[in-house]
Amino acid sequence: MLQLFTRPGLGFEIDQGLLKKYGRRFFKLTETRLKFKVIREKGLRAALALKKRKETAR
């Protein structure tokens, strides 16, 4: 049977040295890039409809 976690998170420590050596960002999505992605995938009309729906939800 597995032991329950006693510490916050996943229950293990991250080695900061190894993270600094091997860790790298593989994906970066800014708000502008998200907008262009939605326009490319769904089209301008759908992107504007999503924007309008988001603004009215506030």
PDB file of N, CA and C in Angstrom:
ATOM      1  N   MET A   1       0.845  -1.175   0.000  1.00  0.00           N
ATOM      2  CA  MET A   1       0.000   0.000   0.000  1.00  0.00           C
ATOM      3  C   MET A   1       0.892   1.240   0.000  1.00  0.00           C
ATOM      4  N   LEU A   2       0.461   2.269  -0.699  1.00  0.00           N
ATOM      5  CA  LEU A   2       1.222   3.510  -0.781  1.00  0.00           C
ATOM      6  C   LEU A   2       1.075   4.332   0.486  1.00  0.00           C
ATOM      7  N   GLN A   3       2.141   5.008   0.844  1.00  0.00           N
ATOM      8  CA  GLN A   3       2.101   5.926   1.976  1.00  0.00           C
ATOM      9  C   GLN A   3       1.462   7.227   1.549  1.00  0.00           C
ATOM     10  N   LEU A   4       0.680   7.828   2.406  1.00  0.00           N
ATOM     11  CA  LEU A   4       0.107   9.127   2.123  1.00  0.00           C
ATOM     12  C   LEU A   4       1.180  10.199   2.227  1.00  0.00           C
ATOM     13  N   PHE A   5       1.001  11.260   1.451  1.00  0.00           N
ATOM     14  CA  PHE A   5       1.961  12.350   1.483  1.00  0.00           C
ATOM     15  C   PHE A   5       1.846  13.086   2.807  1.00  0.00           C
ATOM     16  N   THR A   6       2.973  13.412   3.391  1.00  0.00           N
ATOM     17  CA  THR A   6       2.965  14.142   4.662  1.00  0.00           C
ATOM     18  C   THR A   6       3.370  15.588   4.475  1.00  0.00           C
ATOM     19  N   ARG A   7       3.839  15.927   3.271  1.00  0.00           N
ATOM     20  CA  ARG A   7       4.284  17.286   2.988  1.00  0.00           C
ATOM     21  C   ARG A   7       3.468  17.837   1.836  1.00  0.00           C
ATOM     22  N   PRO A   8       3.423  19.147   1.688  1.00  0.00           N
ATOM     23  CA  PRO A   8       2.665  19.726   0.575  1.00  0.00           C
ATOM     24  C   PRO A   8       3.272  19.345  -0.778  1.00  0.00           C
ATOM     25  N   GLY A   9       2.449  19.381  -1.800  1.00  0.00           N
ATOM     26  CA  GLY A   9       2.921  19.076  -3.149  1.00  0.00           C
ATOM     27  C   GLY A   9       2.848  17.592  -3.435  1.00  0.00           C
ATOM     28  N   LEU A  10       3.790  17.126  -4.245  1.00  0.00           N
ATOM     29  CA  LEU A  10       3.796  15.724  -4.642  1.00  0.00           C
ATOM     30  C   LEU A  10       4.577  14.832  -3.700  1.00  0.00           C
ATOM     31  N   GLY A  11       5.187  15.402  -2.685  1.00  0.00           N
ATOM     32  CA  GLY A  11       5.877  14.599  -1.691  1.00  0.00           C
ATOM     33  C   GLY A  11       7.333  14.343  -1.992  1.00  0.00           C
ATOM     34  N   PHE A  12       7.949  15.111  -2.879  1.00  0.00           N
ATOM     35  CA  PHE A  12       9.370  14.946  -3.137  1.00  0.00           C
ATOM     36  C   PHE A  12      10.012  16.310  -3.323  1.00  0.00           C
ATOM     37  N   GLU A  13      11.306  16.357  -3.147  1.00  0.00           N
ATOM     38  CA  GLU A  13      12.074  17.593  -3.289  1.00  0.00           C
ATOM     39  C   GLU A  13      12.611  17.718  -4.709  1.00  0.00           C
ATOM     40  N   ILE A  14      12.653  18.931  -5.214  1.00  0.00           N
ATOM     41  CA  ILE A  14      13.238  19.197  -6.526  1.00  0.00           C
ATOM     42  C   ILE A  14      14.675  19.649  -6.309  1.00  0.00           C
ATOM     43  N   ASP A  15      15.604  18.983  -6.961  1.00  0.00           N
ATOM     44  CA  ASP A  15      17.017  19.347  -6.871  1.00  0.00           C
ATOM     45  C   ASP A  15      17.242  20.598  -7.708  1.00  0.00           C
ATOM     46  N   GLN A  16      17.462  21.731  -7.058  1.00  0.00           N
ATOM     47  CA  GLN A  16      17.601  23.004  -7.753  1.00  0.00           C
ATOM     48  C   GLN A  16      18.793  23.017  -8.703  1.00  0.00           C
ATOM     49  N   GLY A  17      19.874  22.330  -8.348  1.00  0.00           N
ATOM     50  CA  GLY A  17      21.042  22.270  -9.222  1.00  0.00           C
ATOM     51  C   GLY A  17      20.738  21.570 -10.537  1.00  0.00           C
ATOM     52  N   LEU A  18      20.047  20.433 -10.446  1.00  0.00           N
ATOM     53  CA  LEU A  18      19.673  19.701 -11.668  1.00  0.00           C
ATOM     54  C   LEU A  18      18.634  20.473 -12.474  1.00  0.00           C
ATOM     55  N   LEU A  19      17.734  21.145 -11.769  1.00  0.00           N
ATOM     56  CA  LEU A  19      16.747  21.945 -12.479  1.00  0.00           C
ATOM     57  C   LEU A  19      17.421  23.069 -13.252  1.00  0.00           C
ATOM     58  N   LYS A  20      18.397  23.702 -12.633  1.00  0.00           N
ATOM     59  CA  LYS A  20      19.126  24.777 -13.301  1.00  0.00           C
ATOM     60  C   LYS A  20      19.920  24.248 -14.490  1.00  0.00           C
ATOM     61  N   LYS A  21      20.464  23.040 -14.354  1.00  0.00           N
ATOM     62  CA  LYS A  21      21.289  22.464 -15.415  1.00  0.00           C
ATOM     63  C   LYS A  21      20.438  21.944 -16.581  1.00  0.00           C
ATOM     64  N   TYR A  22      19.362  21.234 -16.285  1.00  0.00           N
ATOM     65  CA  TYR A  22      18.606  20.551 -17.332  1.00  0.00           C
ATOM     66  C   TYR A  22      17.230  21.156 -17.602  1.00  0.00           C
ATOM     67  N   GLY A  23      16.734  21.960 -16.700  1.00  0.00           N
ATOM     68  CA  GLY A  23      15.395  22.497 -16.867  1.00  0.00           C
ATOM     69  C   GLY A  23      15.352  23.557 -17.952  1.00  0.00           C
ATOM     70  N   ARG A  24      14.340  23.492 -18.772  1.00  0.00           N
ATOM     71  CA  ARG A  24      14.163  24.507 -19.809  1.00  0.00           C
ATOM     72  C   ARG A  24      12.680  24.648 -20.111  1.00  0.00           C
ATOM     73  N   ARG A  25      12.297  25.809 -20.533  1.00  0.00           N
ATOM     74  CA  ARG A  25      10.912  26.059 -20.915  1.00  0.00           C
ATOM     75  C   ARG A  25      10.707  25.528 -22.323  1.00  0.00           C
ATOM     76  N   PHE A  26       9.673  24.744 -22.517  1.00  0.00           N
ATOM     77  CA  PHE A  26       9.431  24.177 -23.841  1.00  0.00           C
ATOM     78  C   PHE A  26       8.190  24.754 -24.494  1.00  0.00           C
ATOM     79  N   PHE A  27       7.452  25.604 -23.774  1.00  0.00           N
ATOM     80  CA  PHE A  27       6.239  26.176 -24.348  1.00  0.00           C
ATOM     81  C   PHE A  27       5.991  27.516 -23.691  1.00  0.00           C
ATOM     82  N   LYS A  28       5.742  28.532 -24.494  1.00  0.00           N
ATOM     83  CA  LYS A  28       5.467  29.855 -23.964  1.00  0.00           C
ATOM     84  C   LYS A  28       4.288  30.425 -24.745  1.00  0.00           C
ATOM     85  N   LEU A  29       3.224  30.743 -24.036  1.00  0.00           N
ATOM     86  CA  LEU A  29       2.024  31.257 -24.683  1.00  0.00           C
ATOM     87  C   LEU A  29       1.654  32.579 -24.025  1.00  0.00           C
ATOM     88  N   THR A  30       1.800  33.647 -24.780  1.00  0.00           N
ATOM     89  CA  THR A  30       1.383  34.954 -24.292  1.00  0.00           C
ATOM     90  C   THR A  30      -0.047  35.213 -24.747  1.00  0.00           C
ATOM     91  N   GLU A  31      -0.652  36.249 -24.233  1.00  0.00           N
ATOM     92  CA  GLU A  31      -2.026  36.566 -24.613  1.00  0.00           C
ATOM     93  C   GLU A  31      -2.125  36.862 -26.106  1.00  0.00           C
ATOM     94  N   THR A  32      -1.134  37.560 -26.642  1.00  0.00           N
ATOM     95  CA  THR A  32      -1.143  37.885 -28.073  1.00  0.00           C
ATOM     96  C   THR A  32      -1.020  36.625 -28.922  1.00  0.00           C
ATOM     97  N   ARG A  33      -0.117  35.725 -28.542  1.00  0.00           N
ATOM     98  CA  ARG A  33       0.038  34.483 -29.296  1.00  0.00           C
ATOM     99  C   ARG A  33      -1.225  33.635 -29.230  1.00  0.00           C
ATOM    100  N   LEU A  34      -1.923  33.670 -28.089  1.00  0.00           N
ATOM    101  CA  LEU A  34      -3.174  32.942 -27.964  1.00  0.00           C
ATOM    102  C   LEU A  34      -4.221  33.496 -28.923  1.00  0.00           C
ATOM    103  N   LYS A  35      -4.279  34.824 -29.032  1.00  0.00           N
ATOM    104  CA  LYS A  35      -5.240  35.439 -29.944  1.00  0.00           C
ATOM    105  C   LYS A  35      -4.980  35.011 -31.384  1.00  0.00           C
ATOM    106  N   PHE A  36      -3.725  35.044 -31.805  1.00  0.00           N
ATOM    107  CA  PHE A  36      -3.394  34.643 -33.174  1.00  0.00           C
ATOM    108  C   PHE A  36      -3.676  33.159 -33.402  1.00  0.00           C
ATOM    109  N   LYS A  37      -3.438  32.334 -32.385  1.00  0.00           N
ATOM    110  CA  LYS A  37      -3.700  30.909 -32.514  1.00  0.00           C
ATOM    111  C   LYS A  37      -5.192  30.653 -32.713  1.00  0.00           C
ATOM    112  N   VAL A  38      -6.034  31.342 -31.928  1.00  0.00           N
ATOM    113  CA  VAL A  38      -7.482  31.171 -32.061  1.00  0.00           C
ATOM    114  C   VAL A  38      -7.947  31.632 -33.438  1.00  0.00           C
ATOM    115  N   ILE A  39      -7.398  32.760 -33.922  1.00  0.00           N
ATOM    116  CA  ILE A  39      -7.780  33.257 -35.253  1.00  0.00           C
ATOM    117  C   ILE A  39      -7.391  32.253 -36.329  1.00  0.00           C
ATOM    118  N   ARG A  40      -6.177  31.682 -36.215  1.00  0.00           N
ATOM    119  CA  ARG A  40      -5.730  30.696 -37.208  1.00  0.00           C
ATOM    120  C   ARG A  40      -6.590  29.441 -37.183  1.00  0.00           C
ATOM    121  N   GLU A  41      -6.916  28.957 -35.983  1.00  0.00           N
ATOM    122  CA  GLU A  41      -7.616  27.680 -35.873  1.00  0.00           C
ATOM    123  C   GLU A  41      -9.121  27.797 -36.088  1.00  0.00           C
ATOM    124  N   LYS A  42      -9.735  28.862 -35.589  1.00  0.00           N
ATOM    125  CA  LYS A  42     -11.197  28.956 -35.623  1.00  0.00           C
ATOM    126  C   LYS A  42     -11.712  30.021 -36.573  1.00  0.00           C
ATOM    127  N   GLY A  43     -10.858  30.941 -36.972  1.00  0.00           N
ATOM    128  CA  GLY A  43     -11.293  32.004 -37.868  1.00  0.00           C
ATOM    129  C   GLY A  43     -11.562  33.285 -37.096  1.00  0.00           C
ATOM    130  N   LEU A  44     -11.554  34.387 -37.832  1.00  0.00           N
ATOM    131  CA  LEU A  44     -11.704  35.701 -37.215  1.00  0.00           C
ATOM    132  C   LEU A  44     -13.087  35.883 -36.597  1.00  0.00           C
ATOM    133  N   ARG A  45     -14.116  35.435 -37.288  1.00  0.00           N
ATOM    134  CA  ARG A  45     -15.485  35.613 -36.777  1.00  0.00           C
ATOM    135  C   ARG A  45     -15.669  34.889 -35.442  1.00  0.00           C
ATOM    136  N   ALA A  46     -15.171  33.668 -35.344  1.00  0.00           N
ATOM    137  CA  ALA A  46     -15.294  32.904 -34.099  1.00  0.00           C
ATOM    138  C   ALA A  46     -14.465  33.542 -32.986  1.00  0.00           C
ATOM    139  N   ALA A  47     -13.290  34.061 -33.329  1.00  0.00           N
ATOM    140  CA  ALA A  47     -12.446  34.708 -32.325  1.00  0.00           C
ATOM    141  C   ALA A  47     -13.124  35.960 -31.770  1.00  0.00           C
ATOM    142  N   LEU A  48     -13.756  36.735 -32.644  1.00  0.00           N
ATOM    143  CA  LEU A  48     -14.473  37.928 -32.183  1.00  0.00           C
ATOM    144  C   LEU A  48     -15.690  37.557 -31.332  1.00  0.00           C
ATOM    145  N   ALA A  49     -16.349  36.469 -31.673  1.00  0.00           N
ATOM    146  CA  ALA A  49     -17.489  36.012 -30.873  1.00  0.00           C
ATOM    147  C   ALA A  49     -17.033  35.574 -29.484  1.00  0.00           C
ATOM    148  N   LEU A  50     -15.892  34.888 -29.411  1.00  0.00           N
ATOM    149  CA  LEU A  50     -15.343  34.489 -28.121  1.00  0.00           C
ATOM    150  C   LEU A  50     -14.977  35.705 -27.277  1.00  0.00           C
ATOM    151  N   LYS A  51     -14.395  36.719 -27.930  1.00  0.00           N
ATOM    152  CA  LYS A  51     -14.023  37.944 -27.217  1.00  0.00           C
ATOM    153  C   LYS A  51     -15.263  38.628 -26.657  1.00  0.00           C
ATOM    154  N   LYS A  52     -16.311  38.707 -27.476  1.00  0.00           N
ATOM    155  CA  LYS A  52     -17.541  39.358 -27.035  1.00  0.00           C
ATOM    156  C   LYS A  52     -18.168  38.610 -25.869  1.00  0.00           C
ATOM    157  N   ARG A  53     -18.175  37.278 -25.971  1.00  0.00           N
ATOM    158  CA  ARG A  53     -18.737  36.455 -24.894  1.00  0.00           C
ATOM    159  C   ARG A  53     -17.937  36.619 -23.592  1.00  0.00           C
ATOM    160  N   LYS A  54     -16.616  36.733 -23.735  1.00  0.00           N
ATOM    161  CA  LYS A  54     -15.754  36.890 -22.552  1.00  0.00           C
ATOM    162  C   LYS A  54     -16.010  38.254 -21.888  1.00  0.00           C
ATOM    163  N   GLU A  55     -16.189  39.290 -22.697  1.00  0.00           N
ATOM    164  CA  GLU A  55     -16.409  40.640 -22.153  1.00  0.00           C
ATOM    165  C   GLU A  55     -17.769  40.746 -21.475  1.00  0.00           C
ATOM    166  N   THR A  56     -18.781  40.078 -21.995  1.00  0.00           N
ATOM    167  CA  THR A  56     -20.107  40.165 -21.376  1.00  0.00           C
ATOM    168  C   THR A  56     -20.203  39.345 -20.110  1.00  0.00           C
ATOM    169  N   ALA A  57     -19.309  38.379 -19.931  1.00  0.00           N
ATOM    170  CA  ALA A  57     -19.332  37.532 -18.735  1.00  0.00           C
ATOM    171  C   ALA A  57     -18.792  38.257 -17.512  1.00  0.00           C
ATOM    172  N   ARG A  58     -18.082  39.334 -17.714  1.00  0.00           N
ATOM    173  CA  ARG A  58     -17.483  40.063 -16.588  1.00  0.00           C
ATOM    174  C   ARG A  58     -18.458  40.832 -15.847  1.00  0.00           C
TER     175      ARG A  58
END
